[in-house]
Each structure stands twice: as C-alpha cells, then as structure tokens.
Amino acid sequence: MKIDVFKECPSLENDDFLIRFIEQKDAEDLLKVYSDKLALPFFNSDNCHGSNFYITNIQDMENTIFYWLKEYYEYKGFVRFSIVDKKRNQVIGTIEIFKRMANDFFNNCGLLRVDVGSFDEEVLILKSIFSLVSTPFMQWFDCDMIATKAPIYAVERIKALSHAGFVKSNHPLIGHDGTYYYDYWIQKNSL
C-alpha cells in the first residue's frame, strides 16, 4: 500500500534487524561504517556529484546526517534509514530509498542504496536486509520495481540479491549529466 513516508516514516523489522528513520544519535555507530576503507567500494555513489561517502571524523558524520535529514524534511528527495542490528544493539549501516522518475529503463523505480561496514558485507546479513525492505519499499513508493547497485566484485552482495529475488539488469542507469551507470540489480513489483 502506498503511504506518504514524508509525513510519517514507518519502520520495518524481522528477528535480526530494525530498519528505522535515521537519527543524529546514530553518528557514532555510522562513523565506523563510513570510515571503513574496506566498505567504501560497495557504497553506491552514482549520481552523487562526486561524493564517495568516505567520512573520517564525527563532525563530518553529524553534518552528513544533518544533510540527510534536511533532504527528507525540506526537499522530500529521499529517505535515509538506519539499519539496527538487534543482537548487537548497534547501527550497522544505512539504506537510502527514493522514487526515480526518468527517461530510461529505471523510470518509476525505487532506487535503493544499502551501505554497511565490511564486517557485515556478507550473504546472510544482506539477504535478510534486502528481503525485509524490497516489497514494502515498492509499495510505499508506488514503484514498478526496485533497483540497487552491485558491482561484479561484490560477490557476497550479488549472492544475497539473487537469494532475495533480484535479477541483474543489462540496462544502464543514465545520470542527470548523461553518465551511464551499470551493475544494477532489479526486483519487479508483483502486485
């Protein structure tokens, strides 16, 4: 069911994870993720004006979260969720989702960015996260499909996506400046 996530942002959870709206208090945990050089190659920074999301100090992490919150409240551009590992009681990453309207294959598409630390870049964790969010996000944003990036070297992520029902797309995502981006995996809305 389509809801207005910009009026009231819901959360999702399973036995392992709570996916909830990001909060400033997440900065300390998220600094561990975004300062992890081994995780950096897995962050999707396509169409992000050159940012690679490598953050090395708490002030920059707090400023980044402030920007994400401003983007949500003022511009309604995207929603950034925190991924809380319930067993460790800590934030292990973020998920960004927005509805993309474009003149390419990825039109009316929920574009999903999932950032976790290198310790959590593994099949079971990622499969649990993708399986938890993909269908509700498509419903909330009223999208025909959901897409996320997994480069060829993201072996664990690709296995997780396959197990969660995603398939590799051969279509490029065309950026706002005309740049072609590849390595996207999609799941179509079955409703």
N, C-alpha and C. Protein backbone atom coordinates (compact mmCIF):
# COMPACT_ATOMS: atom_id res chain seq x y z
N MET A 1 0.83 -1.17 0.00
CA MET A 1 0.00 0.00 0.00
C MET A 1 0.88 1.24 0.00
N LYS A 2 0.55 2.20 -0.85
CA LYS A 2 1.30 3.45 -0.93
C LYS A 2 0.99 4.29 0.30
N ILE A 3 2.05 4.80 0.90
CA ILE A 3 1.89 5.72 2.03
C ILE A 3 2.77 6.92 1.77
N ASP A 4 2.53 7.98 2.49
CA ASP A 4 3.39 9.16 2.35
C ASP A 4 4.47 9.09 3.42
N VAL A 5 5.63 8.54 3.05
CA VAL A 5 6.72 8.36 4.00
C VAL A 5 7.32 9.70 4.44
N PHE A 6 6.97 10.77 3.72
CA PHE A 6 7.47 12.09 4.11
C PHE A 6 6.57 12.77 5.14
N LYS A 7 5.45 12.16 5.44
CA LYS A 7 4.60 12.67 6.53
C LYS A 7 4.87 11.88 7.81
N GLU A 8 4.93 10.58 7.67
CA GLU A 8 5.23 9.72 8.81
C GLU A 8 6.04 8.54 8.29
N CYS A 9 7.27 8.45 8.75
CA CYS A 9 8.18 7.43 8.23
C CYS A 9 8.05 6.15 9.05
N PRO A 10 7.55 5.09 8.43
CA PRO A 10 7.39 3.83 9.16
C PRO A 10 8.73 3.10 9.33
N SER A 11 8.70 2.06 10.09
CA SER A 11 9.89 1.22 10.26
C SER A 11 9.52 -0.22 9.91
N LEU A 12 10.55 -1.03 9.73
CA LEU A 12 10.38 -2.45 9.42
C LEU A 12 11.30 -3.25 10.34
N GLU A 13 10.91 -4.47 10.64
CA GLU A 13 11.83 -5.31 11.40
C GLU A 13 11.55 -6.78 11.20
N ASN A 14 12.60 -7.55 11.39
CA ASN A 14 12.50 -9.01 11.45
C ASN A 14 13.26 -9.44 12.69
N ASP A 15 13.59 -10.71 12.80
CA ASP A 15 14.27 -11.19 14.01
C ASP A 15 15.65 -10.56 14.19
N ASP A 16 16.29 -10.19 13.10
CA ASP A 16 17.67 -9.71 13.16
C ASP A 16 17.83 -8.19 13.13
N PHE A 17 16.97 -7.51 12.36
CA PHE A 17 17.20 -6.09 12.10
C PHE A 17 15.96 -5.23 12.30
N LEU A 18 16.21 -4.01 12.70
CA LEU A 18 15.20 -2.95 12.73
C LEU A 18 15.66 -1.91 11.71
N ILE A 19 14.80 -1.60 10.76
CA ILE A 19 15.07 -0.58 9.76
C ILE A 19 14.19 0.61 10.15
N ARG A 20 14.82 1.68 10.62
CA ARG A 20 14.08 2.84 11.10
C ARG A 20 14.70 4.13 10.57
N PHE A 21 13.92 5.20 10.63
CA PHE A 21 14.38 6.51 10.17
C PHE A 21 15.67 6.89 10.90
N ILE A 22 16.60 7.46 10.15
CA ILE A 22 17.90 7.83 10.73
C ILE A 22 17.74 8.92 11.77
N GLU A 23 18.63 8.93 12.76
CA GLU A 23 18.63 9.93 13.83
C GLU A 23 20.05 10.44 14.04
N GLN A 24 20.17 11.66 14.54
CA GLN A 24 21.51 12.22 14.80
C GLN A 24 22.31 11.35 15.76
N LYS A 25 21.64 10.70 16.69
CA LYS A 25 22.34 9.87 17.67
C LYS A 25 23.04 8.66 17.04
N ASP A 26 22.77 8.39 15.77
CA ASP A 26 23.40 7.26 15.07
C ASP A 26 24.82 7.59 14.60
N ALA A 27 25.24 8.82 14.77
CA ALA A 27 26.51 9.28 14.18
C ALA A 27 27.71 8.44 14.61
N GLU A 28 27.82 8.12 15.87
CA GLU A 28 29.00 7.38 16.34
C GLU A 28 29.08 6.00 15.70
N ASP A 29 27.97 5.28 15.68
CA ASP A 29 27.96 3.96 15.03
C ASP A 29 28.21 4.08 13.53
N LEU A 30 27.61 5.08 12.90
CA LEU A 30 27.76 5.23 11.45
C LEU A 30 29.16 5.67 11.05
N LEU A 31 29.85 6.38 11.92
CA LEU A 31 31.23 6.75 11.60
C LEU A 31 32.08 5.50 11.40
N LYS A 32 31.80 4.45 12.16
CA LYS A 32 32.54 3.18 11.99
C LYS A 32 32.30 2.60 10.60
N VAL A 33 31.10 2.76 10.08
CA VAL A 33 30.75 2.25 8.75
C VAL A 33 31.40 3.11 7.67
N TYR A 34 31.20 4.42 7.74
CA TYR A 34 31.64 5.30 6.66
C TYR A 34 33.13 5.63 6.70
N SER A 35 33.83 5.23 7.76
CA SER A 35 35.30 5.38 7.79
C SER A 35 35.99 4.05 7.48
N ASP A 36 35.22 3.04 7.16
CA ASP A 36 35.73 1.70 6.86
C ASP A 36 36.19 1.66 5.39
N LYS A 37 37.50 1.71 5.19
CA LYS A 37 38.04 1.74 3.82
C LYS A 37 37.68 0.48 3.03
N LEU A 38 37.50 -0.64 3.73
CA LEU A 38 37.15 -1.89 3.04
C LEU A 38 35.70 -1.89 2.57
N ALA A 39 34.86 -1.08 3.20
CA ALA A 39 33.45 -0.99 2.80
C ALA A 39 33.24 0.02 1.68
N LEU A 40 34.14 0.96 1.56
CA LEU A 40 34.00 2.07 0.60
C LEU A 40 33.67 1.62 -0.83
N PRO A 41 34.29 0.58 -1.38
CA PRO A 41 33.97 0.18 -2.76
C PRO A 41 32.53 -0.30 -2.97
N PHE A 42 31.83 -0.61 -1.89
CA PHE A 42 30.48 -1.14 -2.00
C PHE A 42 29.41 -0.04 -1.89
N PHE A 43 29.81 1.16 -1.48
CA PHE A 43 28.86 2.27 -1.39
C PHE A 43 28.52 2.74 -2.80
N ASN A 44 27.25 2.95 -3.06
CA ASN A 44 26.82 3.41 -4.38
C ASN A 44 26.77 4.94 -4.37
N SER A 45 27.73 5.52 -5.04
CA SER A 45 27.75 6.99 -5.13
C SER A 45 27.42 7.48 -6.53
N ASP A 46 26.79 6.62 -7.34
CA ASP A 46 26.36 7.03 -8.67
C ASP A 46 25.45 8.25 -8.56
N ASN A 47 25.72 9.24 -9.39
CA ASN A 47 24.88 10.43 -9.48
C ASN A 47 24.91 11.29 -8.21
N CYS A 48 25.97 11.17 -7.42
CA CYS A 48 26.05 11.89 -6.13
C CYS A 48 27.05 13.05 -6.18
N HIS A 49 27.23 13.64 -7.35
CA HIS A 49 28.05 14.84 -7.50
C HIS A 49 29.48 14.65 -7.00
N GLY A 50 30.03 13.44 -7.18
CA GLY A 50 31.43 13.19 -6.84
C GLY A 50 31.68 12.72 -5.42
N SER A 51 30.67 12.69 -4.57
CA SER A 51 30.87 12.21 -3.20
C SER A 51 31.08 10.70 -3.20
N ASN A 52 32.00 10.23 -2.35
CA ASN A 52 32.19 8.78 -2.22
C ASN A 52 31.77 8.27 -0.85
N PHE A 53 31.33 9.17 0.02
CA PHE A 53 30.83 8.85 1.35
C PHE A 53 31.89 8.28 2.29
N TYR A 54 33.14 8.61 2.04
CA TYR A 54 34.21 8.25 2.97
C TYR A 54 34.30 9.36 4.00
N ILE A 55 34.00 9.04 5.26
CA ILE A 55 33.91 10.03 6.33
C ILE A 55 34.81 9.58 7.47
N THR A 56 35.68 10.49 7.94
CA THR A 56 36.70 10.08 8.91
C THR A 56 36.61 10.78 10.27
N ASN A 57 35.64 11.67 10.46
CA ASN A 57 35.53 12.30 11.78
C ASN A 57 34.06 12.51 12.13
N ILE A 58 33.82 12.61 13.42
CA ILE A 58 32.45 12.65 13.92
C ILE A 58 31.71 13.91 13.45
N GLN A 59 32.40 15.03 13.33
CA GLN A 59 31.74 16.26 12.88
C GLN A 59 31.21 16.09 11.46
N ASP A 60 32.01 15.51 10.57
CA ASP A 60 31.56 15.29 9.20
C ASP A 60 30.41 14.28 9.15
N MET A 61 30.45 13.27 10.03
CA MET A 61 29.35 12.30 10.06
C MET A 61 28.07 12.98 10.53
N GLU A 62 28.17 13.81 11.55
CA GLU A 62 26.99 14.54 12.04
C GLU A 62 26.45 15.49 10.97
N ASN A 63 27.35 16.14 10.24
CA ASN A 63 26.92 17.03 9.16
C ASN A 63 26.23 16.26 8.03
N THR A 64 26.74 15.08 7.74
CA THR A 64 26.12 14.23 6.71
C THR A 64 24.71 13.83 7.12
N ILE A 65 24.56 13.41 8.35
CA ILE A 65 23.23 13.04 8.85
C ILE A 65 22.30 14.25 8.82
N PHE A 66 22.83 15.41 9.20
CA PHE A 66 22.03 16.64 9.13
C PHE A 66 21.55 16.89 7.71
N TYR A 67 22.44 16.70 6.73
CA TYR A 67 22.05 16.86 5.32
C TYR A 67 20.95 15.87 4.94
N TRP A 68 21.12 14.59 5.34
CA TRP A 68 20.11 13.57 5.02
C TRP A 68 18.75 13.95 5.62
N LEU A 69 18.77 14.44 6.85
CA LEU A 69 17.53 14.86 7.49
C LEU A 69 16.91 16.07 6.78
N LYS A 70 17.75 17.01 6.40
CA LYS A 70 17.26 18.19 5.67
C LYS A 70 16.66 17.77 4.32
N GLU A 71 17.31 16.85 3.63
CA GLU A 71 16.80 16.36 2.35
C GLU A 71 15.41 15.74 2.54
N TYR A 72 15.22 15.05 3.64
CA TYR A 72 13.93 14.42 3.94
C TYR A 72 12.87 15.47 4.29
N TYR A 73 13.16 16.31 5.29
CA TYR A 73 12.16 17.25 5.80
C TYR A 73 11.87 18.42 4.86
N GLU A 74 12.90 18.97 4.25
CA GLU A 74 12.71 20.18 3.45
C GLU A 74 12.46 19.90 1.97
N TYR A 75 13.19 18.94 1.41
CA TYR A 75 13.12 18.72 -0.04
C TYR A 75 12.35 17.47 -0.45
N LYS A 76 12.14 16.57 0.52
CA LYS A 76 11.43 15.31 0.25
C LYS A 76 12.04 14.57 -0.94
N GLY A 77 13.37 14.57 -0.96
CA GLY A 77 14.09 13.93 -2.06
C GLY A 77 14.31 12.45 -1.86
N PHE A 78 14.66 12.05 -0.65
CA PHE A 78 14.88 10.64 -0.34
C PHE A 78 14.70 10.41 1.15
N VAL A 79 14.61 9.14 1.50
CA VAL A 79 14.53 8.74 2.90
C VAL A 79 15.79 7.94 3.22
N ARG A 80 16.42 8.28 4.32
CA ARG A 80 17.60 7.53 4.76
C ARG A 80 17.23 6.84 6.07
N PHE A 81 17.32 5.52 6.03
CA PHE A 81 17.02 4.68 7.19
C PHE A 81 18.31 4.20 7.83
N SER A 82 18.27 3.95 9.12
CA SER A 82 19.37 3.28 9.81
C SER A 82 19.04 1.80 9.91
N ILE A 83 20.07 0.98 9.76
CA ILE A 83 19.94 -0.47 9.92
C ILE A 83 20.46 -0.81 11.31
N VAL A 84 19.57 -1.23 12.18
CA VAL A 84 19.95 -1.56 13.55
C VAL A 84 20.04 -3.08 13.68
N ASP A 85 21.22 -3.57 14.04
CA ASP A 85 21.40 -4.99 14.34
C ASP A 85 20.87 -5.21 15.75
N LYS A 86 19.78 -5.96 15.88
CA LYS A 86 19.11 -6.12 17.15
C LYS A 86 19.93 -6.93 18.15
N LYS A 87 20.73 -7.87 17.66
CA LYS A 87 21.55 -8.69 18.56
C LYS A 87 22.71 -7.89 19.13
N ARG A 88 23.32 -7.05 18.31
CA ARG A 88 24.46 -6.23 18.75
C ARG A 88 24.01 -4.90 19.34
N ASN A 89 22.74 -4.57 19.13
CA ASN A 89 22.19 -3.29 19.59
C ASN A 89 23.03 -2.12 19.08
N GLN A 90 23.29 -2.15 17.76
CA GLN A 90 24.06 -1.06 17.17
C GLN A 90 23.64 -0.85 15.72
N VAL A 91 23.84 0.37 15.26
CA VAL A 91 23.55 0.72 13.88
C VAL A 91 24.73 0.24 13.04
N ILE A 92 24.42 -0.58 12.03
CA ILE A 92 25.49 -1.17 11.21
C ILE A 92 25.51 -0.61 9.79
N GLY A 93 24.65 0.37 9.50
CA GLY A 93 24.64 0.95 8.17
C GLY A 93 23.38 1.75 7.93
N THR A 94 23.22 2.13 6.65
CA THR A 94 22.04 2.90 6.26
C THR A 94 21.46 2.36 4.96
N ILE A 95 20.21 2.72 4.74
CA ILE A 95 19.53 2.46 3.48
C ILE A 95 18.93 3.77 3.01
N GLU A 96 19.20 4.11 1.76
CA GLU A 96 18.54 5.26 1.15
C GLU A 96 17.58 4.74 0.09
N ILE A 97 16.40 5.33 0.02
CA ILE A 97 15.42 4.95 -0.98
C ILE A 97 14.73 6.22 -1.49
N PHE A 98 14.53 6.28 -2.79
CA PHE A 98 13.74 7.35 -3.38
C PHE A 98 13.11 6.82 -4.66
N LYS A 99 12.03 7.44 -5.05
CA LYS A 99 11.35 7.08 -6.29
C LYS A 99 11.98 7.87 -7.43
N ARG A 100 12.50 7.14 -8.39
CA ARG A 100 13.19 7.77 -9.52
C ARG A 100 12.25 7.81 -10.72
N MET A 101 12.03 9.01 -11.22
CA MET A 101 11.28 9.21 -12.46
C MET A 101 12.29 9.70 -13.49
N ALA A 102 12.43 8.97 -14.60
CA ALA A 102 13.47 9.29 -15.57
C ALA A 102 13.06 8.81 -16.96
N ASN A 103 13.86 9.16 -17.94
CA ASN A 103 13.60 8.74 -19.32
C ASN A 103 14.47 7.56 -19.71
N ASP A 104 14.71 6.66 -18.79
CA ASP A 104 15.47 5.45 -19.10
C ASP A 104 14.74 4.24 -18.51
N PHE A 105 15.35 3.10 -18.55
CA PHE A 105 14.74 1.86 -18.06
C PHE A 105 14.33 1.97 -16.59
N PHE A 106 15.06 2.77 -15.82
CA PHE A 106 14.84 2.87 -14.38
C PHE A 106 13.83 3.97 -14.02
N ASN A 107 12.79 4.07 -14.83
CA ASN A 107 11.71 5.01 -14.57
C ASN A 107 10.71 4.37 -13.62
N ASN A 108 10.10 5.19 -12.76
CA ASN A 108 9.14 4.71 -11.76
C ASN A 108 9.76 3.57 -10.95
N CYS A 109 10.99 3.83 -10.52
CA CYS A 109 11.81 2.82 -9.86
C CYS A 109 12.22 3.31 -8.47
N GLY A 110 12.12 2.45 -7.49
CA GLY A 110 12.65 2.75 -6.18
C GLY A 110 14.14 2.48 -6.21
N LEU A 111 14.94 3.52 -6.13
CA LEU A 111 16.39 3.34 -6.16
C LEU A 111 16.89 3.19 -4.73
N LEU A 112 17.57 2.10 -4.50
CA LEU A 112 17.95 1.67 -3.16
C LEU A 112 19.47 1.70 -3.03
N ARG A 113 19.95 2.37 -1.99
CA ARG A 113 21.38 2.35 -1.66
C ARG A 113 21.50 1.70 -0.28
N VAL A 114 22.29 0.66 -0.19
CA VAL A 114 22.49 -0.04 1.08
C VAL A 114 23.97 0.02 1.42
N ASP A 115 24.30 0.71 2.51
CA ASP A 115 25.68 0.86 2.97
C ASP A 115 25.84 0.16 4.31
N VAL A 116 26.74 -0.81 4.36
CA VAL A 116 27.09 -1.48 5.62
C VAL A 116 28.60 -1.54 5.72
N GLY A 117 29.10 -1.78 6.93
CA GLY A 117 30.53 -1.94 7.12
C GLY A 117 31.01 -3.24 6.49
N SER A 118 32.31 -3.35 6.28
CA SER A 118 32.87 -4.54 5.63
C SER A 118 32.59 -5.81 6.42
N PHE A 119 32.51 -5.72 7.74
CA PHE A 119 32.21 -6.88 8.58
C PHE A 119 30.83 -7.45 8.24
N ASP A 120 29.90 -6.59 7.83
CA ASP A 120 28.52 -7.00 7.55
C ASP A 120 28.23 -7.19 6.07
N GLU A 121 29.23 -7.05 5.22
CA GLU A 121 29.07 -7.27 3.78
C GLU A 121 29.14 -8.76 3.52
N GLU A 122 28.11 -9.47 3.96
CA GLU A 122 28.06 -10.92 3.78
C GLU A 122 26.65 -11.39 3.47
N VAL A 123 26.57 -12.54 2.84
CA VAL A 123 25.32 -13.01 2.22
C VAL A 123 24.13 -13.00 3.17
N LEU A 124 24.24 -13.66 4.31
CA LEU A 124 23.07 -13.80 5.19
C LEU A 124 22.55 -12.47 5.70
N ILE A 125 23.46 -11.59 6.06
CA ILE A 125 23.05 -10.27 6.55
C ILE A 125 22.37 -9.48 5.45
N LEU A 126 23.01 -9.40 4.30
CA LEU A 126 22.45 -8.62 3.19
C LEU A 126 21.15 -9.20 2.67
N LYS A 127 21.06 -10.52 2.59
CA LYS A 127 19.82 -11.16 2.14
C LYS A 127 18.67 -10.81 3.09
N SER A 128 18.93 -10.86 4.38
CA SER A 128 17.90 -10.53 5.37
C SER A 128 17.43 -9.09 5.20
N ILE A 129 18.36 -8.18 4.94
CA ILE A 129 18.01 -6.76 4.77
C ILE A 129 17.22 -6.55 3.47
N PHE A 130 17.74 -7.07 2.35
CA PHE A 130 17.05 -6.88 1.06
C PHE A 130 15.66 -7.52 1.09
N SER A 131 15.55 -8.69 1.66
CA SER A 131 14.25 -9.38 1.72
C SER A 131 13.25 -8.61 2.58
N LEU A 132 13.75 -7.98 3.62
CA LEU A 132 12.89 -7.22 4.53
C LEU A 132 12.32 -5.96 3.88
N VAL A 133 13.14 -5.26 3.09
CA VAL A 133 12.72 -3.93 2.63
C VAL A 133 12.15 -3.87 1.22
N SER A 134 12.50 -4.78 0.34
CA SER A 134 12.19 -4.59 -1.07
C SER A 134 10.69 -4.46 -1.36
N THR A 135 9.87 -5.38 -0.92
CA THR A 135 8.43 -5.31 -1.21
C THR A 135 7.76 -4.12 -0.52
N PRO A 136 7.98 -3.90 0.79
CA PRO A 136 7.35 -2.72 1.40
C PRO A 136 7.78 -1.41 0.75
N PHE A 137 9.05 -1.27 0.40
CA PHE A 137 9.50 -0.03 -0.24
C PHE A 137 8.81 0.19 -1.58
N MET A 138 8.66 -0.87 -2.36
CA MET A 138 7.95 -0.72 -3.64
C MET A 138 6.51 -0.28 -3.41
N GLN A 139 5.89 -0.82 -2.38
CA GLN A 139 4.51 -0.44 -2.07
C GLN A 139 4.44 0.99 -1.55
N TRP A 140 5.32 1.34 -0.61
CA TRP A 140 5.28 2.68 -0.02
C TRP A 140 5.49 3.76 -1.06
N PHE A 141 6.38 3.49 -2.03
CA PHE A 141 6.71 4.50 -3.03
C PHE A 141 5.97 4.29 -4.34
N ASP A 142 5.09 3.29 -4.38
CA ASP A 142 4.26 3.02 -5.56
C ASP A 142 5.12 2.91 -6.83
N CYS A 143 6.09 2.00 -6.77
CA CYS A 143 7.06 1.82 -7.86
C CYS A 143 6.80 0.54 -8.63
N ASP A 144 7.19 0.52 -9.89
CA ASP A 144 7.11 -0.69 -10.71
C ASP A 144 8.20 -1.69 -10.36
N MET A 145 9.31 -1.18 -9.84
CA MET A 145 10.43 -2.05 -9.47
C MET A 145 11.32 -1.32 -8.48
N ILE A 146 12.26 -2.10 -7.94
CA ILE A 146 13.27 -1.54 -7.06
C ILE A 146 14.62 -1.95 -7.64
N ALA A 147 15.61 -1.09 -7.52
CA ALA A 147 16.93 -1.36 -8.10
C ALA A 147 18.02 -0.97 -7.11
N THR A 148 19.10 -1.72 -7.14
CA THR A 148 20.26 -1.41 -6.31
C THR A 148 21.52 -1.85 -7.04
N LYS A 149 22.61 -1.24 -6.70
CA LYS A 149 23.88 -1.50 -7.40
C LYS A 149 24.68 -2.59 -6.71
N ALA A 150 25.27 -3.47 -7.52
CA ALA A 150 26.19 -4.49 -7.01
C ALA A 150 27.23 -4.75 -8.09
N PRO A 151 28.39 -4.10 -7.99
CA PRO A 151 29.45 -4.32 -8.98
C PRO A 151 29.91 -5.78 -8.98
N ILE A 152 30.58 -6.17 -10.02
CA ILE A 152 30.98 -7.57 -10.21
C ILE A 152 31.82 -8.11 -9.05
N TYR A 153 32.60 -7.25 -8.41
CA TYR A 153 33.44 -7.69 -7.28
C TYR A 153 32.65 -7.85 -5.98
N ALA A 154 31.39 -7.43 -5.95
CA ALA A 154 30.56 -7.52 -4.74
C ALA A 154 29.93 -8.91 -4.65
N VAL A 155 30.76 -9.90 -4.53
CA VAL A 155 30.35 -11.31 -4.61
C VAL A 155 29.27 -11.65 -3.58
N GLU A 156 29.48 -11.26 -2.34
CA GLU A 156 28.51 -11.57 -1.28
C GLU A 156 27.19 -10.85 -1.53
N ARG A 157 27.27 -9.61 -1.95
CA ARG A 157 26.07 -8.81 -2.22
C ARG A 157 25.28 -9.41 -3.38
N ILE A 158 25.97 -9.83 -4.42
CA ILE A 158 25.31 -10.43 -5.58
C ILE A 158 24.60 -11.73 -5.18
N LYS A 159 25.24 -12.54 -4.37
CA LYS A 159 24.59 -13.78 -3.89
C LYS A 159 23.35 -13.43 -3.07
N ALA A 160 23.47 -12.44 -2.21
CA ALA A 160 22.34 -12.03 -1.37
C ALA A 160 21.18 -11.53 -2.22
N LEU A 161 21.49 -10.72 -3.22
CA LEU A 161 20.45 -10.20 -4.10
C LEU A 161 19.76 -11.32 -4.87
N SER A 162 20.53 -12.25 -5.37
CA SER A 162 19.95 -13.41 -6.08
C SER A 162 19.01 -14.19 -5.17
N HIS A 163 19.44 -14.44 -3.95
CA HIS A 163 18.61 -15.18 -2.99
C HIS A 163 17.36 -14.39 -2.59
N ALA A 164 17.43 -13.07 -2.66
CA ALA A 164 16.29 -12.23 -2.28
C ALA A 164 15.35 -11.94 -3.46
N GLY A 165 15.62 -12.55 -4.63
CA GLY A 165 14.71 -12.42 -5.77
C GLY A 165 15.05 -11.31 -6.75
N PHE A 166 16.24 -10.75 -6.67
CA PHE A 166 16.67 -9.72 -7.63
C PHE A 166 17.35 -10.40 -8.82
N VAL A 167 17.30 -9.73 -9.97
CA VAL A 167 18.00 -10.21 -11.17
C VAL A 167 18.84 -9.06 -11.73
N LYS A 168 19.92 -9.43 -12.39
CA LYS A 168 20.83 -8.42 -12.98
C LYS A 168 20.16 -7.77 -14.17
N SER A 169 20.26 -6.46 -14.24
CA SER A 169 19.74 -5.71 -15.37
C SER A 169 20.88 -5.43 -16.34
N ASN A 170 20.59 -5.52 -17.62
CA ASN A 170 21.58 -5.17 -18.64
C ASN A 170 21.45 -3.71 -19.08
N HIS A 171 20.50 -3.00 -18.50
CA HIS A 171 20.25 -1.61 -18.87
C HIS A 171 21.10 -0.67 -18.02
N PRO A 172 21.61 0.39 -18.62
CA PRO A 172 22.32 1.39 -17.82
C PRO A 172 21.33 2.33 -17.15
N LEU A 173 21.72 2.81 -15.99
CA LEU A 173 21.01 3.91 -15.36
C LEU A 173 21.70 5.18 -15.87
N ILE A 174 20.93 6.09 -16.44
CA ILE A 174 21.52 7.28 -17.04
C ILE A 174 21.39 8.44 -16.05
N GLY A 175 22.55 8.95 -15.64
CA GLY A 175 22.60 10.03 -14.65
C GLY A 175 22.08 11.35 -15.18
N HIS A 176 21.88 12.28 -14.25
CA HIS A 176 21.35 13.60 -14.61
C HIS A 176 22.27 14.35 -15.57
N ASP A 177 23.57 13.97 -15.59
CA ASP A 177 24.51 14.62 -16.51
C ASP A 177 24.79 13.78 -17.76
N GLY A 178 24.02 12.69 -17.94
CA GLY A 178 24.18 11.83 -19.10
C GLY A 178 25.14 10.67 -18.91
N THR A 179 25.76 10.57 -17.74
CA THR A 179 26.68 9.46 -17.46
C THR A 179 25.90 8.15 -17.37
N TYR A 180 26.48 7.10 -17.94
CA TYR A 180 25.87 5.77 -17.88
C TYR A 180 26.46 5.01 -16.69
N TYR A 181 25.57 4.46 -15.86
CA TYR A 181 25.98 3.66 -14.69
C TYR A 181 25.45 2.24 -14.88
N TYR A 182 26.30 1.29 -14.56
CA TYR A 182 25.95 -0.13 -14.76
C TYR A 182 25.96 -0.88 -13.43
N ASP A 183 25.74 -2.18 -13.53
CA ASP A 183 25.80 -3.11 -12.38
C ASP A 183 24.59 -2.99 -11.46
N TYR A 184 23.42 -2.72 -12.03
CA TYR A 184 22.20 -2.65 -11.22
C TYR A 184 21.44 -3.97 -11.25
N TRP A 185 20.88 -4.28 -10.11
CA TRP A 185 20.04 -5.46 -9.93
C TRP A 185 18.63 -4.98 -9.62
N ILE A 186 17.63 -5.68 -10.17
CA ILE A 186 16.26 -5.21 -10.00
C ILE A 186 15.35 -6.32 -9.47
N GLN A 187 14.28 -5.87 -8.86
CA GLN A 187 13.19 -6.75 -8.48
C GLN A 187 11.93 -6.03 -8.91
N LYS A 188 11.09 -6.71 -9.70
CA LYS A 188 9.86 -6.08 -10.19
C LYS A 188 8.74 -6.25 -9.18
N ASN A 189 7.86 -5.28 -9.18
CA ASN A 189 6.71 -5.30 -8.29
C ASN A 189 5.72 -6.35 -8.83
N SER A 190 5.38 -7.32 -8.01
CA SER A 190 4.48 -8.39 -8.44
C SER A 190 3.03 -8.09 -8.13
N LEU A 191 2.77 -6.94 -7.49
CA LEU A 191 1.38 -6.60 -7.12
C LEU A 191 0.71 -5.77 -8.19
